[in-house]
Every structure is written in C-alpha cells, then in structure tokens.
Amino acid sequence: MLTSGLISIIVALVVVGLVLYLIGMIPMDGTIKQIIRAVVIIAVIVWLLQSFGLIGSLGVGHTRMR
C-alpha cells in the first residue's frame, strides 16, 4: 500500500506537470517559456532530492548544532 508521503509526491508531480502544460499555453516568447520551464524543473528536482533525503536543506540561516 502507498504511504501518504508517496501519494503527496505523486500529486505534487501531477500539479507541476499541469503547471508546465499551462505555461506552454500562454502566448509569450519561446525563450521566456524555456527559462520558466527550466527553473520549474530544477526546483522540482531539488525538491525531490530533498524529499528522498539525498541532499540536505538548502535554506539560508540553518545552523548546525554542536
């Protein structure tokens, strides 16, 4: 059975796919669309890597406990 974490990741990926589809429908310059798509895809890849624990948090202001 799927865990709620995996279901939330799948739902988020479907939403991101829908956003990328809608970006393709907007009438704007192709270069701007490519930049937006690249930023969204990179953000999703980083989020997925963090979700699976392959990379740590990239937030500013996080300090390590001694």
PDB file of N, CA and C in Angstrom:
ATOM      1  N   MET A   1       0.847  -1.184   0.000  1.00  0.00           N
ATOM      2  CA  MET A   1       0.000   0.000   0.000  1.00  0.00           C
ATOM      3  C   MET A   1       0.890   1.244   0.000  1.00  0.00           C
ATOM      4  N   LEU A   2       0.451   2.272  -0.720  1.00  0.00           N
ATOM      5  CA  LEU A   2       1.227   3.504  -0.820  1.00  0.00           C
ATOM      6  C   LEU A   2       1.124   4.315   0.464  1.00  0.00           C
ATOM      7  N   THR A   3       2.230   4.899   0.850  1.00  0.00           N
ATOM      8  CA  THR A   3       2.214   5.758   2.028  1.00  0.00           C
ATOM      9  C   THR A   3       1.712   7.142   1.640  1.00  0.00           C
ATOM     10  N   SER A   4       1.318   7.908   2.616  1.00  0.00           N
ATOM     11  CA  SER A   4       0.801   9.251   2.331  1.00  0.00           C
ATOM     12  C   SER A   4       1.887  10.154   1.763  1.00  0.00           C
ATOM     13  N   GLY A   5       3.145   9.919   2.154  1.00  0.00           N
ATOM     14  CA  GLY A   5       4.246  10.723   1.613  1.00  0.00           C
ATOM     15  C   GLY A   5       4.430  10.500   0.130  1.00  0.00           C
ATOM     16  N   LEU A   6       4.340   9.250  -0.295  1.00  0.00           N
ATOM     17  CA  LEU A   6       4.484   8.931  -1.709  1.00  0.00           C
ATOM     18  C   LEU A   6       3.308   9.474  -2.514  1.00  0.00           C
ATOM     19  N   ILE A   7       2.124   9.393  -1.944  1.00  0.00           N
ATOM     20  CA  ILE A   7       0.943   9.941  -2.626  1.00  0.00           C
ATOM     21  C   ILE A   7       1.070  11.449  -2.782  1.00  0.00           C
ATOM     22  N   SER A   8       1.560  12.130  -1.758  1.00  0.00           N
ATOM     23  CA  SER A   8       1.710  13.584  -1.856  1.00  0.00           C
ATOM     24  C   SER A   8       2.754  13.960  -2.910  1.00  0.00           C
ATOM     25  N   ILE A   9       3.814  13.150  -3.039  1.00  0.00           N
ATOM     26  CA  ILE A   9       4.815  13.418  -4.072  1.00  0.00           C
ATOM     27  C   ILE A   9       4.209  13.242  -5.454  1.00  0.00           C
ATOM     28  N   ILE A  10       3.411  12.197  -5.641  1.00  0.00           N
ATOM     29  CA  ILE A  10       2.765  11.962  -6.935  1.00  0.00           C
ATOM     30  C   ILE A  10       1.804  13.086  -7.272  1.00  0.00           C
ATOM     31  N   VAL A  11       1.022  13.518  -6.300  1.00  0.00           N
ATOM     32  CA  VAL A  11       0.081  14.626  -6.534  1.00  0.00           C
ATOM     33  C   VAL A  11       0.845  15.897  -6.890  1.00  0.00           C
ATOM     34  N   ALA A  12       1.946  16.163  -6.199  1.00  0.00           N
ATOM     35  CA  ALA A  12       2.743  17.355  -6.486  1.00  0.00           C
ATOM     36  C   ALA A  12       3.319  17.291  -7.901  1.00  0.00           C
ATOM     37  N   LEU A  13       3.780  16.116  -8.330  1.00  0.00           N
ATOM     38  CA  LEU A  13       4.319  15.982  -9.685  1.00  0.00           C
ATOM     39  C   LEU A  13       3.240  16.176 -10.740  1.00  0.00           C
ATOM     40  N   VAL A  14       2.025  15.710 -10.463  1.00  0.00           N
ATOM     41  CA  VAL A  14       0.918  15.934 -11.395  1.00  0.00           C
ATOM     42  C   VAL A  14       0.598  17.423 -11.489  1.00  0.00           C
ATOM     43  N   VAL A  15       0.606  18.113 -10.355  1.00  0.00           N
ATOM     44  CA  VAL A  15       0.344  19.552 -10.350  1.00  0.00           C
ATOM     45  C   VAL A  15       1.438  20.293 -11.116  1.00  0.00           C
ATOM     46  N   VAL A  16       2.686  19.915 -10.916  1.00  0.00           N
ATOM     47  CA  VAL A  16       3.789  20.556 -11.640  1.00  0.00           C
ATOM     48  C   VAL A  16       3.657  20.305 -13.133  1.00  0.00           C
ATOM     49  N   GLY A  17       3.279  19.091 -13.514  1.00  0.00           N
ATOM     50  CA  GLY A  17       3.050  18.792 -14.925  1.00  0.00           C
ATOM     51  C   GLY A  17       1.945  19.650 -15.514  1.00  0.00           C
ATOM     52  N   LEU A  18       0.880  19.850 -14.760  1.00  0.00           N
ATOM     53  CA  LEU A  18      -0.212  20.716 -15.212  1.00  0.00           C
ATOM     54  C   LEU A  18       0.268  22.166 -15.356  1.00  0.00           C
ATOM     55  N   VAL A  19       1.070  22.623 -14.412  1.00  0.00           N
ATOM     56  CA  VAL A  19       1.613  23.987 -14.494  1.00  0.00           C
ATOM     57  C   VAL A  19       2.493  24.139 -15.732  1.00  0.00           C
ATOM     58  N   LEU A  20       3.348  23.141 -15.992  1.00  0.00           N
ATOM     59  CA  LEU A  20       4.193  23.207 -17.181  1.00  0.00           C
ATOM     60  C   LEU A  20       3.353  23.197 -18.456  1.00  0.00           C
ATOM     61  N   TYR A  21       2.281  22.425 -18.468  1.00  0.00           N
ATOM     62  CA  TYR A  21       1.377  22.411 -19.624  1.00  0.00           C
ATOM     63  C   TYR A  21       0.729  23.787 -19.819  1.00  0.00           C
ATOM     64  N   LEU A  22       0.269  24.378 -18.722  1.00  0.00           N
ATOM     65  CA  LEU A  22      -0.381  25.689 -18.816  1.00  0.00           C
ATOM     66  C   LEU A  22       0.606  26.774 -19.238  1.00  0.00           C
ATOM     67  N   ILE A  23       1.857  26.657 -18.816  1.00  0.00           N
ATOM     68  CA  ILE A  23       2.876  27.610 -19.251  1.00  0.00           C
ATOM     69  C   ILE A  23       3.046  27.530 -20.756  1.00  0.00           C
ATOM     70  N   GLY A  24       2.960  26.322 -21.301  1.00  0.00           N
ATOM     71  CA  GLY A  24       3.066  26.147 -22.746  1.00  0.00           C
ATOM     72  C   GLY A  24       1.904  26.771 -23.502  1.00  0.00           C
ATOM     73  N   MET A  25       0.771  26.931 -22.849  1.00  0.00           N
ATOM     74  CA  MET A  25      -0.414  27.501 -23.493  1.00  0.00           C
ATOM     75  C   MET A  25      -0.394  29.033 -23.507  1.00  0.00           C
ATOM     76  N   ILE A  26       0.408  29.640 -22.651  1.00  0.00           N
ATOM     77  CA  ILE A  26       0.438  31.103 -22.543  1.00  0.00           C
ATOM     78  C   ILE A  26       1.171  31.679 -23.757  1.00  0.00           C
ATOM     79  N   PRO A  27       0.564  32.664 -24.415  1.00  0.00           N
ATOM     80  CA  PRO A  27       1.237  33.274 -25.576  1.00  0.00           C
ATOM     81  C   PRO A  27       2.336  34.247 -25.135  1.00  0.00           C
ATOM     82  N   MET A  28       3.568  33.766 -25.166  1.00  0.00           N
ATOM     83  CA  MET A  28       4.716  34.612 -24.842  1.00  0.00           C
ATOM     84  C   MET A  28       5.913  34.095 -25.632  1.00  0.00           C
ATOM     85  N   ASP A  29       6.994  34.826 -25.567  1.00  0.00           N
ATOM     86  CA  ASP A  29       8.198  34.468 -26.309  1.00  0.00           C
ATOM     87  C   ASP A  29       8.705  33.086 -25.882  1.00  0.00           C
ATOM     88  N   GLY A  30       9.163  32.300 -26.848  1.00  0.00           N
ATOM     89  CA  GLY A  30       9.627  30.949 -26.584  1.00  0.00           C
ATOM     90  C   GLY A  30      10.800  30.885 -25.636  1.00  0.00           C
ATOM     91  N   THR A  31      11.691  31.884 -25.684  1.00  0.00           N
ATOM     92  CA  THR A  31      12.852  31.904 -24.795  1.00  0.00           C
ATOM     93  C   THR A  31      12.419  32.038 -23.337  1.00  0.00           C
ATOM     94  N   ILE A  32      11.444  32.888 -23.087  1.00  0.00           N
ATOM     95  CA  ILE A  32      10.950  33.079 -21.722  1.00  0.00           C
ATOM     96  C   ILE A  32      10.293  31.791 -21.228  1.00  0.00           C
ATOM     97  N   LYS A  33       9.547  31.114 -22.094  1.00  0.00           N
ATOM     98  CA  LYS A  33       8.920  29.844 -21.717  1.00  0.00           C
ATOM     99  C   LYS A  33       9.973  28.808 -21.349  1.00  0.00           C
ATOM    100  N   GLN A  34      11.042  28.741 -22.120  1.00  0.00           N
ATOM    101  CA  GLN A  34      12.100  27.771 -21.828  1.00  0.00           C
ATOM    102  C   GLN A  34      12.765  28.066 -20.489  1.00  0.00           C
ATOM    103  N   ILE A  35      12.989  29.352 -20.203  1.00  0.00           N
ATOM    104  CA  ILE A  35      13.598  29.734 -18.930  1.00  0.00           C
ATOM    105  C   ILE A  35      12.684  29.351 -17.769  1.00  0.00           C
ATOM    106  N   ILE A  36      11.388  29.631 -17.892  1.00  0.00           N
ATOM    107  CA  ILE A  36      10.434  29.301 -16.835  1.00  0.00           C
ATOM    108  C   ILE A  36      10.376  27.797 -16.639  1.00  0.00           C
ATOM    109  N   ARG A  37      10.307  27.044 -17.738  1.00  0.00           N
ATOM    110  CA  ARG A  37      10.282  25.574 -17.636  1.00  0.00           C
ATOM    111  C   ARG A  37      11.537  25.050 -16.945  1.00  0.00           C
ATOM    112  N   ALA A  38      12.697  25.586 -17.321  1.00  0.00           N
ATOM    113  CA  ALA A  38      13.952  25.124 -16.723  1.00  0.00           C
ATOM    114  C   ALA A  38      13.975  25.398 -15.226  1.00  0.00           C
ATOM    115  N   VAL A  39      13.534  26.582 -14.816  1.00  0.00           N
ATOM    116  CA  VAL A  39      13.517  26.933 -13.393  1.00  0.00           C
ATOM    117  C   VAL A  39      12.574  26.003 -12.635  1.00  0.00           C
ATOM    118  N   VAL A  40      11.386  25.745 -13.194  1.00  0.00           N
ATOM    119  CA  VAL A  40      10.420  24.869 -12.530  1.00  0.00           C
ATOM    120  C   VAL A  40      10.976  23.450 -12.421  1.00  0.00           C
ATOM    121  N   ILE A  41      11.574  22.937 -13.490  1.00  0.00           N
ATOM    122  CA  ILE A  41      12.106  21.575 -13.474  1.00  0.00           C
ATOM    123  C   ILE A  41      13.262  21.447 -12.489  1.00  0.00           C
ATOM    124  N   ILE A  42      14.153  22.426 -12.448  1.00  0.00           N
ATOM    125  CA  ILE A  42      15.271  22.390 -11.499  1.00  0.00           C
ATOM    126  C   ILE A  42      14.752  22.439 -10.064  1.00  0.00           C
ATOM    127  N   ALA A  43      13.758  23.282  -9.817  1.00  0.00           N
ATOM    128  CA  ALA A  43      13.183  23.373  -8.470  1.00  0.00           C
ATOM    129  C   ALA A  43      12.544  22.049  -8.063  1.00  0.00           C
ATOM    130  N   VAL A  44      11.865  21.387  -8.991  1.00  0.00           N
ATOM    131  CA  VAL A  44      11.231  20.105  -8.680  1.00  0.00           C
ATOM    132  C   VAL A  44      12.285  19.032  -8.420  1.00  0.00           C
ATOM    133  N   ILE A  45      13.348  19.031  -9.197  1.00  0.00           N
ATOM    134  CA  ILE A  45      14.412  18.049  -8.975  1.00  0.00           C
ATOM    135  C   ILE A  45      15.048  18.240  -7.600  1.00  0.00           C
ATOM    136  N   VAL A  46      15.332  19.476  -7.232  1.00  0.00           N
ATOM    137  CA  VAL A  46      15.907  19.755  -5.903  1.00  0.00           C
ATOM    138  C   VAL A  46      14.939  19.339  -4.812  1.00  0.00           C
ATOM    139  N   TRP A  47      13.645  19.638  -4.994  1.00  0.00           N
ATOM    140  CA  TRP A  47      12.627  19.264  -4.008  1.00  0.00           C
ATOM    141  C   TRP A  47      12.538  17.746  -3.868  1.00  0.00           C
ATOM    142  N   LEU A  48      12.587  17.028  -4.993  1.00  0.00           N
ATOM    143  CA  LEU A  48      12.533  15.567  -4.934  1.00  0.00           C
ATOM    144  C   LEU A  48      13.762  14.994  -4.223  1.00  0.00           C
ATOM    145  N   LEU A  49      14.934  15.540  -4.515  1.00  0.00           N
ATOM    146  CA  LEU A  49      16.144  15.068  -3.850  1.00  0.00           C
ATOM    147  C   LEU A  49      16.073  15.301  -2.345  1.00  0.00           C
ATOM    148  N   GLN A  50      15.504  16.433  -1.945  1.00  0.00           N
ATOM    149  CA  GLN A  50      15.333  16.708  -0.524  1.00  0.00           C
ATOM    150  C   GLN A  50      14.282  15.788   0.088  1.00  0.00           C
ATOM    151  N   SER A  51      13.221  15.506  -0.667  1.00  0.00           N
ATOM    152  CA  SER A  51      12.156  14.640  -0.156  1.00  0.00           C
ATOM    153  C   SER A  51      12.654  13.233   0.116  1.00  0.00           C
ATOM    154  N   PHE A  52      13.539  12.736  -0.743  1.00  0.00           N
ATOM    155  CA  PHE A  52      14.069  11.394  -0.569  1.00  0.00           C
ATOM    156  C   PHE A  52      15.322  11.374   0.311  1.00  0.00           C
ATOM    157  N   GLY A  53      15.723  12.533   0.826  1.00  0.00           N
ATOM    158  CA  GLY A  53      16.836  12.608   1.754  1.00  0.00           C
ATOM    159  C   GLY A  53      18.204  12.480   1.111  1.00  0.00           C
ATOM    160  N   LEU A  54      18.294  12.702  -0.197  1.00  0.00           N
ATOM    161  CA  LEU A  54      19.577  12.584  -0.869  1.00  0.00           C
ATOM    162  C   LEU A  54      20.435  13.834  -0.711  1.00  0.00           C
ATOM    163  N   ILE A  55      19.790  14.974  -0.471  1.00  0.00           N
ATOM    164  CA  ILE A  55      20.524  16.200  -0.164  1.00  0.00           C
ATOM    165  C   ILE A  55      19.862  16.841   1.051  1.00  0.00           C
ATOM    166  N   GLY A  56      20.625  17.640   1.747  1.00  0.00           N
ATOM    167  CA  GLY A  56      20.101  18.310   2.931  1.00  0.00           C
ATOM    168  C   GLY A  56      19.344  19.569   2.561  1.00  0.00           C
ATOM    169  N   SER A  57      18.932  20.284   3.552  1.00  0.00           N
ATOM    170  CA  SER A  57      18.205  21.534   3.336  1.00  0.00           C
ATOM    171  C   SER A  57      19.121  22.583   2.754  1.00  0.00           C
ATOM    172  N   LEU A  58      18.607  23.348   1.803  1.00  0.00           N
ATOM    173  CA  LEU A  58      19.381  24.397   1.176  1.00  0.00           C
ATOM    174  C   LEU A  58      19.001  25.776   1.707  1.00  0.00           C
ATOM    175  N   GLY A  59      18.207  25.824   2.763  1.00  0.00           N
ATOM    176  CA  GLY A  59      17.739  27.079   3.299  1.00  0.00           C
ATOM    177  C   GLY A  59      18.841  27.910   3.917  1.00  0.00           C
ATOM    178  N   VAL A  60      18.654  29.219   3.910  1.00  0.00           N
ATOM    179  CA  VAL A  60      19.611  30.146   4.494  1.00  0.00           C
ATOM    180  C   VAL A  60      19.271  30.305   5.978  1.00  0.00           C
ATOM    181  N   GLY A  61      20.286  30.400   6.792  1.00  0.00           N
ATOM    182  CA  GLY A  61      20.070  30.633   8.203  1.00  0.00           C
ATOM    183  C   GLY A  61      20.043  29.373   9.033  1.00  0.00           C
ATOM    184  N   HIS A  62      20.191  28.227   8.408  1.00  0.00           N
ATOM    185  CA  HIS A  62      20.234  26.982   9.166  1.00  0.00           C
ATOM    186  C   HIS A  62      21.629  26.804   9.750  1.00  0.00           C
ATOM    187  N   THR A  63      21.676  26.535  11.022  1.00  0.00           N
ATOM    188  CA  THR A  63      22.969  26.324  11.663  1.00  0.00           C
ATOM    189  C   THR A  63      23.000  24.907  12.212  1.00  0.00           C
ATOM    190  N   ARG A  64      24.194  24.375  12.304  1.00  0.00           N
ATOM    191  CA  ARG A  64      24.361  23.042  12.849  1.00  0.00           C
ATOM    192  C   ARG A  64      24.489  23.116  14.368  1.00  0.00           C
ATOM    193  N   MET A  65      23.916  22.150  15.013  1.00  0.00           N
ATOM    194  CA  MET A  65      24.040  22.055  16.458  1.00  0.00           C
ATOM    195  C   MET A  65      25.376  21.404  16.792  1.00  0.00           C
ATOM    196  N   ARG A  66      26.043  21.917  17.807  1.00  0.00           N
ATOM    197  CA  ARG A  66      27.344  21.354  18.192  1.00  0.00           C
ATOM    198  C   ARG A  66      27.170  20.258  19.182  1.00  0.00           C
TER     199      ARG A  66
END
